[in-house]
Protein backbone atom coordinates (compact mmCIF):
# COMPACT_ATOMS: atom_id res chain seq x y z
CA MET A 1 0.00 0.00 0.00
CA ILE A 2 2.91 2.34 0.68
CA ASN A 3 4.12 2.18 -2.93
CA ILE A 4 0.75 3.04 -4.46
CA THR A 5 0.18 5.79 -1.87
CA LEU A 6 3.50 7.37 -2.79
CA GLY A 7 2.64 6.86 -6.45
CA CYS A 8 -0.60 8.82 -6.07
CA PHE A 9 1.26 11.67 -4.36
CA ALA A 10 3.96 11.61 -7.04
CA SER A 11 1.38 11.65 -9.85
CA SER A 12 -0.41 14.61 -8.26
CA ILE A 13 2.84 16.56 -7.87
CA ILE A 14 3.89 15.81 -11.47
CA ILE A 15 0.59 17.00 -12.95
CA ILE A 16 0.38 20.13 -10.79
CA SER A 17 4.07 20.90 -11.38
CA TYR A 18 3.77 20.81 -15.17
CA GLY A 19 0.51 22.76 -14.93
CA ILE A 20 2.29 25.52 -13.02
CA LEU A 21 5.05 25.46 -15.64
CA PHE A 22 2.39 25.80 -18.37
CA ASP A 23 0.79 28.77 -16.60
CA LYS A 24 4.11 30.54 -16.11
CA SER A 25 5.85 29.85 -19.40
CA ILE A 26 2.97 29.68 -21.89
CA LEU A 27 0.07 31.62 -20.38
CA LYS A 28 2.54 34.15 -18.93
CA LYS A 29 0.90 34.23 -15.50
CA LYS A 30 2.54 35.73 -12.47
CA ILE A 31 2.96 33.49 -9.45
CA GLN A 32 0.12 35.18 -7.53
CA GLU A 33 -2.25 34.69 -10.49
CA ILE A 34 -1.89 30.91 -10.63
CA ASP A 35 -5.06 29.00 -9.79
CA TYR A 36 -4.01 25.69 -8.23
CA TYR A 37 -7.50 24.27 -8.72
CA GLU A 38 -7.11 24.73 -12.48
CA VAL A 39 -3.44 24.09 -13.27
CA GLY A 40 -3.83 20.31 -13.32
CA ILE A 41 -5.88 20.61 -16.51
CA PHE A 42 -3.02 22.30 -18.31
CA GLY A 43 -0.53 19.96 -16.66
CA PHE A 44 -2.04 17.12 -18.68
CA ILE A 45 -1.86 19.20 -21.86
CA LEU A 46 1.82 20.11 -21.39
CA ILE A 47 2.80 16.54 -20.43
CA GLY A 48 1.03 15.19 -23.52
CA PHE A 49 2.72 17.75 -25.77
CA LEU A 50 6.17 17.01 -24.31
CA ALA A 51 5.76 13.20 -24.47
CA LEU A 52 4.57 13.35 -28.07
CA SER A 53 7.43 15.62 -29.12
CA ILE A 54 10.10 13.58 -27.33
CA ASN A 55 8.94 10.33 -28.94
CA PHE A 56 9.91 11.66 -32.37
CA ILE A 57 13.54 11.53 -31.16
CA PHE A 58 13.71 9.07 -28.25
CA PRO A 59 11.76 6.11 -26.87
CA LEU A 60 9.79 7.09 -23.77
CA ASN A 61 11.88 4.68 -21.74
CA LYS A 62 12.70 4.66 -18.04
CA ILE A 63 15.60 7.05 -18.48
CA ILE A 64 13.37 9.68 -20.13
CA GLY A 65 10.66 8.95 -17.56
CA SER A 66 13.08 9.42 -14.67
CA ILE A 67 14.33 12.75 -16.05
CA PHE A 68 10.72 13.84 -16.53
CA PHE A 69 9.96 12.76 -12.94
CA PHE A 70 12.93 14.56 -11.34
CA ILE A 71 12.29 17.80 -13.24
CA SER A 72 8.72 17.93 -11.95
CA ILE A 73 9.69 17.24 -8.32
CA ILE A 74 12.52 19.80 -8.32
CA TYR A 75 10.38 22.42 -10.05
CA PHE A 76 7.54 21.80 -7.58
CA LEU A 77 9.82 22.27 -4.57
CA PHE A 78 11.26 25.54 -5.90
CA HIS A 79 7.76 26.81 -6.65
CA LEU A 80 6.50 25.78 -3.21
CA ILE A 81 9.25 27.83 -1.59
CA GLU A 82 8.28 31.01 -3.45
CA SER A 83 4.51 30.43 -3.43
CA GLN A 84 2.34 32.70 -1.29
CA LYS A 85 -0.33 29.98 -1.05
CA LYS A 86 1.67 27.07 0.31
CA LYS A 87 -1.12 25.64 2.46
CA GLU A 88 -3.60 25.71 -0.44
CA LEU A 89 -1.13 24.00 -2.77
CA ILE A 90 -0.29 21.25 -0.25
CA LEU A 91 -4.01 20.75 0.52
CA ILE A 92 -4.77 20.32 -3.20
CA ILE A 93 -1.97 17.76 -3.58
CA CYS A 94 -3.35 15.82 -0.59
CA ILE A 95 -6.95 15.87 -1.89
CA MET A 96 -5.81 14.85 -5.37
CA SER A 97 -3.79 11.97 -3.90
CA PHE A 98 -6.73 10.82 -1.76
CA ILE A 99 -9.11 10.76 -4.76
CA THR A 100 -6.52 9.15 -7.08
CA PHE A 101 -5.80 6.45 -4.49
CA SER A 102 -9.51 5.62 -4.20
CA MET A 103 -9.87 5.32 -7.98
CA LEU A 104 -6.67 3.36 -8.62
CA THR A 105 -6.18 0.90 -5.78
CA LEU A 106 -7.23 -2.70 -6.61
CA SER A 107 -9.14 -1.49 -9.67
CA ASN A 108 -9.50 -3.22 -13.00
CA ILE A 109 -8.16 -1.63 -16.15
CA ASN A 110 -10.47 -0.76 -19.03
CA ARG A 111 -11.61 -4.00 -20.68
CA PRO A 112 -10.88 -5.17 -23.29
CA ASP A 113 -9.36 -2.09 -24.98
CA ALA A 114 -6.52 -1.65 -22.49
CA GLY A 115 -5.34 -5.19 -23.16
CA LEU A 116 -5.91 -5.04 -26.91
CA TYR A 117 -4.16 -1.80 -27.79
CA HIS A 118 -3.78 0.79 -24.98
CA LEU A 119 -1.14 -1.10 -22.98
CA PRO A 120 0.55 -2.69 -26.04
CA TYR A 121 0.98 0.76 -27.56
CA ILE A 122 2.37 2.18 -24.31
CA SER A 123 4.91 -0.65 -24.46
CA VAL A 124 5.75 0.38 -28.05
CA LEU A 125 6.33 3.96 -26.85
CA ASN A 126 8.51 2.80 -23.96
CA GLU A 127 10.76 0.76 -26.28
CA ASN A 128 10.75 2.68 -29.57
CA LYS A 129 11.00 6.03 -31.22
CA ILE A 130 7.94 6.77 -33.36
CA VAL A 131 7.16 3.68 -35.46
CA THR A 132 6.08 4.28 -39.05
CA GLY A 133 3.24 2.13 -40.40
CA ILE A 134 2.40 0.63 -36.99
CA THR A 135 -1.26 0.25 -38.08
CA ASN A 136 -0.10 -2.46 -40.50
CA LEU A 137 0.72 -4.52 -37.44
CA HIS A 138 -2.60 -3.79 -35.69
CA TYR A 139 -5.14 -1.33 -37.10
CA ARG A 140 -6.30 -0.37 -33.60
CA PHE A 141 -2.94 1.35 -33.13
CA GLY A 142 -4.41 4.02 -35.41
CA HIS A 143 -6.99 4.82 -32.69
CA ILE A 144 -4.34 5.85 -30.16
CA SER A 145 -4.98 8.75 -27.77
CA ILE A 146 -2.57 11.29 -26.27
CA ILE A 147 -3.38 9.51 -22.98
CA GLN A 148 -1.09 6.65 -24.03
CA TYR A 149 1.79 9.13 -24.39
CA ILE A 150 1.05 10.68 -20.99
CA SER A 151 1.01 7.22 -19.42
CA ALA A 152 4.18 6.09 -21.22
CA ILE A 153 6.32 8.98 -19.96
CA HIS A 154 5.39 8.10 -16.37
CA ASN A 155 7.39 4.85 -16.61
CA ASN A 156 10.61 5.43 -14.61
CA HIS A 157 13.26 3.81 -12.42
CA LEU A 158 11.74 4.97 -9.12
CA MET A 159 8.22 3.57 -9.34
CA LYS A 160 6.73 0.22 -10.33
CA VAL A 161 5.82 0.00 -14.01
CA GLU A 162 2.12 0.09 -13.01
CA PHE A 163 2.69 3.76 -12.15
CA LEU A 164 1.77 4.41 -15.79
CA ASN A 165 -1.87 4.00 -14.70
CA ALA A 166 -1.66 6.86 -12.20
CA PRO A 167 -2.18 9.87 -14.53
CA LEU A 168 -5.38 8.34 -15.93
CA ALA A 169 -6.80 7.98 -12.41
CA SER A 170 -5.63 11.51 -11.54
CA ILE A 171 -7.86 13.01 -14.24
CA PHE A 172 -10.93 12.52 -12.06
CA ALA A 173 -9.17 14.17 -9.10
CA VAL A 174 -8.11 17.21 -11.17
CA TYR A 175 -11.60 17.51 -12.65
CA THR A 176 -13.37 17.24 -9.27
CA LEU A 177 -11.27 20.05 -7.76
CA PHE A 178 -11.83 22.19 -10.85
CA LEU A 179 -15.62 21.72 -10.69
CA VAL A 180 -15.86 22.52 -6.99
CA LYS A 181 -13.78 25.68 -7.40
CA LYS A 182 -15.83 26.87 -10.40
CA PHE A 183 -19.08 26.18 -8.56
CA ARG A 184 -17.86 28.07 -5.50
CA VAL A 185 -16.86 31.06 -7.65
CA SER A 186 -20.31 31.17 -9.28
CA ILE A 187 -21.97 31.21 -5.86
CA HIS A 188 -19.64 33.97 -4.70
CA ASN A 189 -20.45 36.00 -7.82
CA LYS A 190 -24.17 35.12 -7.58
CA SER A 191 -24.14 33.91 -11.19
CA HIS A 192 -27.48 32.18 -10.89
CA GLU A 193 -27.57 30.53 -14.32
CA LEU A 194 -24.05 29.16 -13.92
CA ILE A 195 -24.82 27.88 -10.42
CA VAL A 196 -27.61 25.64 -11.73
CA ILE A 197 -25.68 24.49 -14.82
CA LYS A 198 -22.45 23.72 -12.93
CA PHE A 199 -24.40 21.95 -10.21
CA LEU A 200 -25.98 19.64 -12.79
CA ILE A 201 -22.62 19.04 -14.48
CA ILE A 202 -21.14 18.09 -11.10
CA VAL A 203 -24.02 15.70 -10.39
CA PHE A 204 -23.74 14.07 -13.81
CA SER A 205 -19.95 13.81 -13.54
CA LEU A 206 -19.97 12.18 -10.10
CA TYR A 207 -22.62 9.77 -11.39
CA SER A 208 -20.80 8.92 -14.64
CA PHE A 209 -17.04 9.12 -14.00
CA ASN A 210 -16.54 7.35 -10.67
CA ARG A 211 -15.02 4.03 -11.83
CA PHE A 212 -11.43 3.67 -13.00
CA SER A 213 -12.30 0.54 -14.98
CA ASN A 214 -14.38 2.75 -17.31
CA TYR A 215 -11.41 5.03 -18.00
CA GLY A 216 -10.22 4.09 -21.44
CA ASN A 217 -9.69 6.84 -24.00
CA ASP A 218 -13.34 7.97 -23.99
CA ILE A 219 -13.99 9.24 -20.46
CA PRO A 220 -11.03 11.69 -20.42
CA SER A 221 -12.36 13.25 -23.63
CA HIS A 222 -15.79 13.77 -22.07
CA ILE A 223 -14.26 15.26 -18.93
CA PHE A 224 -12.30 17.78 -20.99
CA PHE A 225 -15.40 18.54 -23.07
CA PHE A 226 -17.22 19.58 -19.88
CA ILE A 227 -14.19 21.66 -18.89
CA LEU A 228 -14.37 23.42 -22.26
CA VAL A 229 -18.11 24.04 -21.81
CA ILE A 230 -17.55 25.63 -18.40
CA PHE A 231 -14.83 27.95 -19.68
CA LEU A 232 -17.12 29.08 -22.51
CA LEU A 233 -20.17 29.58 -20.28
CA GLU A 234 -18.22 31.87 -17.98
CA LYS A 235 -17.87 34.36 -20.82
CA PHE A 236 -21.16 36.18 -21.43
CA ASN A 237 -20.06 37.59 -24.79
CA LEU A 238 -17.80 35.33 -26.81
CA ASP A 239 -16.87 38.18 -29.14
CA LYS A 240 -15.25 40.01 -26.19
CA ILE A 241 -13.30 37.10 -24.81
CA ASP A 242 -9.91 37.97 -23.32
CA ASN A 243 -6.71 36.63 -24.87
CA THR A 244 -5.74 34.36 -21.97
CA THR A 245 -9.13 32.61 -22.00
CA PHE A 246 -8.91 32.30 -25.79
CA TYR A 247 -5.59 30.48 -25.52
CA LYS A 248 -6.93 28.23 -22.76
CA ILE A 249 -9.90 27.28 -24.93
CA SER A 250 -7.62 26.73 -27.94
CA PHE A 251 -5.27 24.41 -26.06
CA ILE A 252 -8.17 22.46 -24.53
CA SER A 253 -9.83 22.11 -27.96
CA VAL A 254 -6.65 20.79 -29.55
CA PHE A 255 -6.07 18.46 -26.59
CA LEU A 256 -9.63 17.14 -26.97
CA PHE A 257 -8.91 16.23 -30.57
CA THR A 258 -5.75 14.37 -29.54
CA LEU A 259 -7.75 12.51 -26.90
CA LYS A 260 -10.32 11.21 -29.39
CA PRO A 261 -10.58 11.95 -33.14
CA PHE A 262 -14.38 12.30 -32.97
CA MET A 263 -13.77 15.44 -30.89
CA ILE A 264 -12.55 17.16 -34.06
CA ILE A 265 -15.85 19.03 -34.06
CA VAL A 266 -14.67 21.17 -31.10
CA LEU A 267 -11.87 22.67 -33.21
CA ILE A 268 -14.51 24.91 -34.75
CA ILE A 269 -14.82 26.75 -31.41
CA PRO A 270 -11.40 28.49 -31.32
CA LEU A 271 -11.80 29.18 -35.04
CA ILE A 272 -15.10 31.01 -34.43
CA LEU A 273 -13.65 32.86 -31.46
CA LEU A 274 -10.71 33.94 -33.58
CA ILE A 275 -13.00 35.26 -36.31
CA LEU A 276 -15.04 37.20 -33.75
CA ASN A 277 -11.95 38.67 -32.06
CA LYS A 278 -10.91 42.16 -33.19
CA ASN A 279 -7.27 41.40 -32.43
CA LYS A 280 -7.10 38.25 -34.55
CA PHE A 281 -3.83 39.17 -36.29
CA ILE A 282 -2.12 39.89 -32.98
CA ILE A 283 -3.37 36.57 -31.63
CA LEU A 284 -2.11 34.65 -34.66
CA LYS A 285 1.40 36.05 -34.25
CA ASP A 286 1.51 35.35 -30.50
CA LEU A 287 3.92 32.63 -29.33
CA ARG A 288 1.07 30.89 -27.48
CA MET A 289 -0.87 30.49 -30.71
CA ILE A 290 2.22 29.21 -32.46
CA ILE A 291 2.78 26.59 -29.72
CA CYS A 292 -0.86 25.49 -29.94
CA SER A 293 -0.57 25.18 -33.73
CA VAL A 294 2.66 23.19 -33.42
CA PHE A 295 0.90 20.81 -31.00
CA ILE A 296 -1.80 19.88 -33.50
CA LEU A 297 0.70 19.86 -36.37
CA ILE A 298 2.95 17.26 -34.75
CA TRP A 299 -0.13 15.20 -33.88
CA PHE A 300 -1.07 15.20 -37.58
CA ILE A 301 2.52 14.27 -38.50
CA LYS A 302 2.41 11.43 -35.96
CA ASN A 303 -0.85 10.20 -37.53
CA ILE A 304 0.59 10.29 -41.04
CA LEU A 305 3.69 8.38 -39.97
CA THR A 306 1.85 5.71 -37.99
CA SER A 307 -1.11 5.18 -40.34
CA GLY A 308 -0.68 7.19 -43.54
CA CYS A 309 -3.74 9.31 -42.64
CA LEU A 310 -4.19 12.72 -41.06
CA ILE A 311 -7.15 11.29 -39.15
CA PHE A 312 -7.35 7.51 -39.03
CA PRO A 313 -9.49 5.85 -40.42
CA ILE A 314 -11.13 8.65 -42.42
CA LYS A 315 -10.29 7.66 -46.01
CA GLU A 316 -10.43 11.19 -47.38
CA THR A 317 -7.52 12.23 -45.13
CA CYS A 318 -5.18 9.42 -46.20
CA PHE A 319 -2.14 9.54 -48.52
CA SER A 320 -2.37 6.51 -50.80
CA ASN A 321 1.06 7.18 -52.37
CA LEU A 322 2.91 6.31 -49.14
CA ASN A 323 4.51 2.88 -49.49
CA TYR A 324 3.44 1.81 -45.98
CA PHE A 325 -0.18 2.89 -46.44
CA ASP A 326 -2.70 0.07 -46.89
CA LYS A 327 -6.16 0.95 -48.17
CA LYS A 328 -7.69 -2.36 -47.06
CA ILE A 329 -6.78 -1.75 -43.43
CA VAL A 330 -8.32 1.73 -43.52
CA ASN A 331 -11.53 0.39 -45.12
CA ILE A 332 -11.82 -2.38 -42.54
CA ALA A 333 -11.15 -0.03 -39.63
CA SER A 334 -13.57 2.60 -40.97
CA ASN A 335 -16.45 0.20 -41.66
CA GLU A 336 -15.95 -1.73 -38.45
CA ALA A 337 -15.72 1.35 -36.22
CA THR A 338 -18.92 2.81 -37.67
CA ALA A 339 -20.87 -0.44 -37.79
CA TRP A 340 -19.92 -1.58 -34.28
CA SER A 341 -20.90 1.76 -32.77
CA LYS A 342 -24.29 1.31 -34.44
CA GLY A 343 -24.80 -2.16 -32.98
CA PHE A 344 -23.55 -4.42 -35.79
CA PRO A 345 -22.93 -7.45 -33.51
CA ASP A 346 -26.52 -7.19 -32.17
CA GLN A 347 -28.15 -8.12 -35.49
CA LYS A 348 -30.55 -11.04 -35.51
CA LYS A 349 -28.92 -14.15 -36.95
CA ASN A 350 -31.47 -14.54 -39.74
CA LYS A 351 -30.97 -10.93 -40.90
CA LYS A 352 -27.17 -10.55 -40.92
CA LEU A 353 -25.88 -7.77 -43.19
CA SER A 354 -22.33 -7.03 -44.26
CA LEU A 355 -20.50 -4.10 -42.63
CA SER A 356 -21.03 -1.82 -45.65
CA GLU A 357 -24.71 -2.79 -46.05
CA TYR A 358 -25.37 -2.29 -42.37
CA ASN A 359 -23.91 1.23 -42.43
CA THR A 360 -26.03 2.48 -45.35
CA ASN A 361 -29.61 3.78 -45.64
CA PHE A 362 -30.28 3.58 -41.89
CA ASN A 363 -30.30 -0.23 -42.05
CA TRP A 364 -28.73 -0.07 -38.60
CA PHE A 365 -31.47 1.96 -36.93
CA SER A 366 -33.89 -0.81 -35.89
CA THR A 367 -31.09 -2.92 -34.38
CA TRP A 368 -29.59 0.14 -32.68
CA LYS A 369 -32.98 1.14 -31.26
CA GLU A 370 -33.56 -2.30 -29.74
CA ASN A 371 -30.12 -2.44 -28.12
CA HIS A 372 -27.92 0.65 -27.83
CA PHE A 373 -30.85 3.01 -27.41
CA ASN A 374 -32.11 1.01 -24.43
CA LYS A 375 -28.64 1.20 -22.87
CA ILE A 376 -28.59 4.96 -23.40
CA LYS A 377 -31.97 5.28 -21.67
CA LYS A 378 -30.70 3.27 -18.70
CA LYS A 379 -27.74 5.63 -18.36
CA ILE A 380 -29.56 8.93 -18.89
CA LEU A 381 -32.89 8.29 -17.13
CA PRO A 382 -31.44 8.17 -13.57
CA PHE A 383 -29.92 11.61 -14.13
CA LEU A 384 -33.18 13.00 -15.52
CA PHE A 385 -35.03 11.41 -12.60
CA PHE A 386 -32.66 13.19 -10.21
CA VAL A 387 -33.30 16.54 -11.88
CA THR A 388 -37.04 16.00 -11.66
CA LEU A 389 -37.04 14.69 -8.09
CA PHE A 390 -34.56 17.04 -6.42
CA VAL A 391 -34.22 20.21 -8.45
CA PHE A 392 -37.71 21.13 -9.63
CA PRO A 393 -39.57 20.60 -6.31
CA TYR A 394 -36.96 22.49 -4.32
CA MET A 395 -36.95 25.51 -6.57
CA LEU A 396 -40.72 25.63 -6.82
CA LYS A 397 -40.89 25.62 -3.04
CA ASN A 398 -38.01 27.92 -2.12
CA SER A 399 -37.70 30.53 -4.81
CA HIS A 400 -39.76 33.64 -3.98
CA ASN A 401 -39.65 34.97 -7.49
CA PHE A 402 -41.77 32.52 -9.45
CA ASN A 403 -42.71 34.24 -12.65
CA TYR A 404 -42.86 33.63 -16.35
CA GLN A 405 -40.39 35.79 -18.27
CA SER A 406 -41.45 36.49 -21.83
CA LYS A 407 -37.98 37.81 -22.71
CA PRO A 408 -35.47 36.48 -20.21
CA LYS A 409 -31.95 37.88 -20.45
CA TYR A 410 -29.99 34.79 -21.34
CA ASN A 411 -26.25 34.35 -21.25
CA LYS A 412 -25.37 34.49 -24.97
CA SER A 413 -22.84 31.73 -24.51
CA LEU A 414 -25.60 29.55 -23.10
CA ILE A 415 -27.68 29.95 -26.27
CA LEU A 416 -24.74 29.28 -28.57
CA LEU A 417 -23.55 26.29 -26.57
CA THR A 418 -27.03 24.79 -26.54
CA ILE A 419 -27.09 24.98 -30.33
CA PHE A 420 -23.55 23.64 -30.54
CA SER A 421 -24.27 20.70 -28.19
CA PHE A 422 -27.35 19.87 -30.27
CA ILE A 423 -25.20 19.81 -33.43
CA CYS A 424 -22.67 17.62 -31.60
CA SER A 425 -25.48 15.25 -30.57
CA LEU A 426 -26.69 14.97 -34.18
CA TYR A 427 -23.11 14.40 -35.33
CA TRP A 428 -22.81 11.63 -32.72
CA PHE A 429 -26.14 10.04 -33.70
CA PHE A 430 -25.39 9.83 -37.41
CA TYR A 431 -21.81 8.58 -37.14
CA PHE A 432 -21.12 6.69 -33.88
CA PRO A 433 -24.29 6.47 -31.71
CA VAL A 434 -22.90 4.39 -28.85
CA TYR A 435 -23.27 5.96 -25.39
CA ARG A 436 -19.59 5.96 -24.43
CA PHE A 437 -18.80 8.14 -27.46
CA GLY A 438 -21.54 10.71 -26.97
CA LEU A 439 -22.31 11.00 -23.27
CA SER A 440 -20.84 14.51 -22.84
CA PHE A 441 -22.66 15.78 -25.97
CA LEU A 442 -26.00 14.39 -24.80
CA ALA A 443 -25.56 15.44 -21.18
CA THR A 444 -24.52 18.98 -22.11
CA PHE A 445 -27.49 19.38 -24.42
CA LEU A 446 -29.95 18.06 -21.81
CA ILE A 447 -28.48 20.21 -19.04
CA LEU A 448 -28.53 23.39 -21.15
CA ILE A 449 -32.03 22.73 -22.49
CA PHE A 450 -33.28 22.22 -18.95
CA SER A 451 -31.59 25.47 -17.92
CA LEU A 452 -33.12 27.45 -20.78
CA ILE A 453 -36.61 26.16 -20.02
CA PHE A 454 -36.21 26.69 -16.31
CA PHE A 455 -34.91 30.25 -16.65
CA LYS A 456 -37.83 30.98 -18.94
CA PHE A 457 -40.27 30.29 -16.14
CA ARG A 458 -38.27 31.31 -13.11
CA ASN A 459 -36.19 34.23 -12.04
CA ILE A 460 -33.83 32.63 -9.51
CA ARG A 461 -32.59 35.02 -6.86
CA ASN A 462 -33.15 33.37 -3.49
CA ILE A 463 -31.77 29.87 -3.81
CA LYS A 464 -30.41 28.36 -0.62
CA TYR A 465 -26.99 27.22 -1.76
CA ASN A 466 -26.52 24.94 1.22
CA TYR A 467 -29.02 22.62 -0.48
CA PHE A 468 -26.72 22.24 -3.49
CA TRP A 469 -23.60 21.82 -1.36
CA THR A 470 -25.34 19.13 0.68
CA ILE A 471 -26.24 17.11 -2.42
CA ILE A 472 -22.72 17.48 -3.83
CA LEU A 473 -21.19 16.39 -0.52
CA ILE A 474 -23.52 13.37 -0.26
CA LEU A 475 -22.71 12.31 -3.84
CA PHE A 476 -18.96 12.78 -3.33
CA ILE A 477 -19.03 10.74 -0.10
CA GLY A 478 -21.02 8.11 -2.00
CA VAL A 479 -18.41 7.95 -4.77
CA MET A 480 -15.51 7.73 -2.32
CA GLY A 481 -17.43 5.24 -0.17
CA LYS A 482 -18.12 3.07 -3.20
CA ASN A 483 -14.45 2.99 -4.19
CA TYR A 484 -13.08 2.44 -0.70
CA SER A 485 -15.68 -0.28 -0.12
CA ARG A 486 -14.35 -2.01 -3.24
CA ILE A 487 -10.81 -1.69 -1.86
CA PHE A 488 -11.75 -3.20 1.52
CA SER A 489 -13.70 -6.06 -0.09
CA SER A 490 -10.73 -6.96 -2.34
CA TYR A 491 -8.03 -6.31 0.26
CA ASP A 492 -7.04 -9.98 0.63
CA LYS A 493 -6.79 -10.74 -3.11
CA LEU A 494 -3.02 -10.75 -3.36
CA TYR A 495 -1.15 -10.83 -6.67
CA ASN A 496 2.13 -9.64 -8.19
CA ASN A 497 2.56 -5.84 -7.76
CA TYR A 498 -0.53 -5.72 -5.50
CA PRO A 499 -2.49 -3.41 -5.08
CA TRP A 500 -1.81 -1.63 -8.41
CA PRO A 501 -4.23 -2.42 -11.26
CA LYS A 502 -3.09 -5.50 -13.17
CA ILE A 503 -1.41 -4.73 -16.49
CA TYR A 504 -0.35 -8.24 -17.52
CA THR A 505 -3.67 -10.09 -17.49
CA LEU A 506 -7.43 -9.53 -17.59
CA LYS A 507 -8.19 -12.82 -15.84
CA GLU A 508 -8.84 -12.97 -12.12
CA ASN A 509 -7.23 -16.40 -11.68
CA GLU A 510 -3.99 -15.64 -13.55
CA LYS A 511 -0.78 -14.36 -12.00
CA ASN A 512 -0.07 -10.76 -12.84
CA ILE A 513 3.26 -11.40 -14.54
CA GLU A 514 4.59 -10.41 -17.94
CA LYS A 515 3.88 -13.04 -20.60
CA GLU A 516 6.28 -14.35 -23.20
CA PHE A 517 4.73 -14.48 -26.66
CA LYS A 518 5.84 -16.12 -29.88
CA LYS A 519 8.41 -14.26 -31.97
CA ILE A 520 7.46 -13.79 -35.61
CA THR A 521 10.31 -13.35 -38.08
CA ASP A 522 10.58 -12.55 -41.78
CA LYS A 523 12.05 -14.82 -44.49
CA LYS A 524 15.57 -13.79 -43.44
CA GLN A 525 14.80 -14.76 -39.83
CA LYS A 526 14.83 -11.13 -38.70
CA PHE A 527 12.48 -10.30 -35.85
CA LEU A 528 9.19 -8.60 -36.82
CA TYR A 529 6.80 -8.72 -33.86
CA TYR A 530 5.36 -10.82 -31.03
CA TYR A 531 2.19 -12.84 -31.67
CA SER A 532 -0.02 -13.43 -28.63
CA GLY A 533 -1.94 -16.36 -30.11
CA GLY A 534 -5.23 -14.47 -30.20
CA GLU A 535 -5.31 -13.25 -26.60
CA GLU A 536 -4.73 -9.70 -25.40
CA CYS A 537 -1.08 -8.61 -25.51
CA MET A 538 -1.45 -6.44 -22.39
CA TYR A 539 1.80 -4.73 -21.29
CA SER A 540 4.43 -7.00 -22.81
CA LYS A 541 7.49 -6.83 -25.02
CA SER A 542 6.76 -4.79 -28.11
CA PRO A 543 5.54 -4.69 -30.74
CA CYS A 544 2.81 -7.20 -29.97
CA THR A 545 -0.46 -8.07 -31.67
CA HIS A 546 -3.14 -10.72 -31.32
CA MET A 547 -3.54 -10.87 -35.12
CA LEU A 548 -1.23 -12.92 -37.33
CA ASN A 549 -0.13 -11.23 -40.57
CA ASP A 550 2.08 -13.16 -42.99
CA LYS A 551 2.41 -10.19 -45.37
CA LEU A 552 4.04 -7.87 -42.85
CA ASN A 553 7.58 -6.65 -43.47
CA LYS A 554 9.89 -4.30 -41.60
CA LYS A 555 12.81 -2.11 -42.48
CA VAL A 556 14.90 0.27 -40.40
CA PHE A 557 15.93 3.74 -41.57
CA LEU A 558 18.21 5.89 -39.38
CA GLY A 559 17.09 3.91 -36.33
CA TYR A 560 13.37 4.29 -37.11
CA LYS A 561 11.28 1.17 -37.69
CA ILE A 562 8.94 1.10 -40.68
CA PHE A 563 6.25 -1.59 -41.05
CA TYR A 564 4.79 -2.18 -44.49
CA LEU A 565 2.80 -4.88 -46.25
CA GLN A 566 4.26 -7.01 -49.00
CA GLN A 567 2.54 -6.29 -52.30
CA ASN A 568 1.23 -9.20 -54.38
């Protein structure tokens, strides 16, 4: 327990440390202007940017990870000495560690994706510089998130290798502190619309994001989408947004895209804000804008090198003239990703369609409605029930200003974000209507629609905020209680590297030790990859895949590995 406790503290310090560095060096904030409840968000962004950039030159091995670790600790200590808010900073580190520990200890990893391609790709990053054509080995390596880079750079000589799970668990801790601070500020400022909206976002987040085993690549993207929404809502007029907020929104938008490709729709937000801004030419020439642009540029370059596409597996963004690009892999990945999100495996046996047939002319809708739609209802209805049961009755009873407003003065950002979240929900429905891909779009739209309707009929001025704080506290205690109850109930289930989440197996009855898989070689007996025999590779020697490919070849150029398929 001592090792994982120290790991949670170390992860919290690393994220906060790089967040402070981001604020000082990129956002140009003075030490007294730094918000410790917010810096963790930008800590993730800077760590992701650094890890991605470094991997173009070096493997993210234990040496790089140790340097990364020491820099953060030393920088944190120097900042702590000069900080005027030492107690607040230490308190935040302690709370983050407490929450991270509850999420991480004796948890399962995300199944089966972590075993299929998250952990195997982290292993690739730990052992290799950027690998060209890696999707020819396993097409799921084209679906990689910046999270894998953030995890990979946490591998070092001081902590157990399972420490690479810590930053993923810390996301919930950073997000929780951010939400509480933003809610408290809205109450202090008596921003009545924002109080209700942020309260509902907090409720939905505590309800939806409380299990580490759900944290693949999807949940972090939804968390950062809510963060983006809150930043935008706090600005009444988007055309008068200040430069610092603009850069924050830009970095978060780019980071969202690197978390999940389907978040590409959010990139329209900084573009619109830039068009509306009177100082657009000054903004474009600013170093912060250049850094943000470089971030997305190197992500695109990484995508082209690993898959041959700007955005894998969107065919229109691919470069067919690259000798490592394979059109068949892109077609399979594209059709499968779309069809599976629309419920392809749930078809009735007597009405089986091919992937392409299933995706066309809404042939998928009836199957989706009978299966995925019911799952979506099960997830959303409890939240809607909560809103109905707890929010409406209280406000009807306790607000002294119950009146219909024919022309309420809405926050302009609220109107625009409601429209935008509706567009995002339509985009989700037509292309990948599975709940785990669209939960932040749907929840944001429902929350904002409720707010618009409610503010139409009520003029909230006398809300008793203790009611909201009580509900938040009860829910938070429930989340922590649920996780610590899981820890106590599994306390005696000993295994290798207990009590970190297992990274070598998904099976309860297997020892958590690294597996040795079969080496596959080319015709000249040169090593190509490891074949797992159809099971998940997990965190093992790289590169590893559960799919056998007898057409795969490899060459090395200036120390960089290039995988390509042999042409017939």
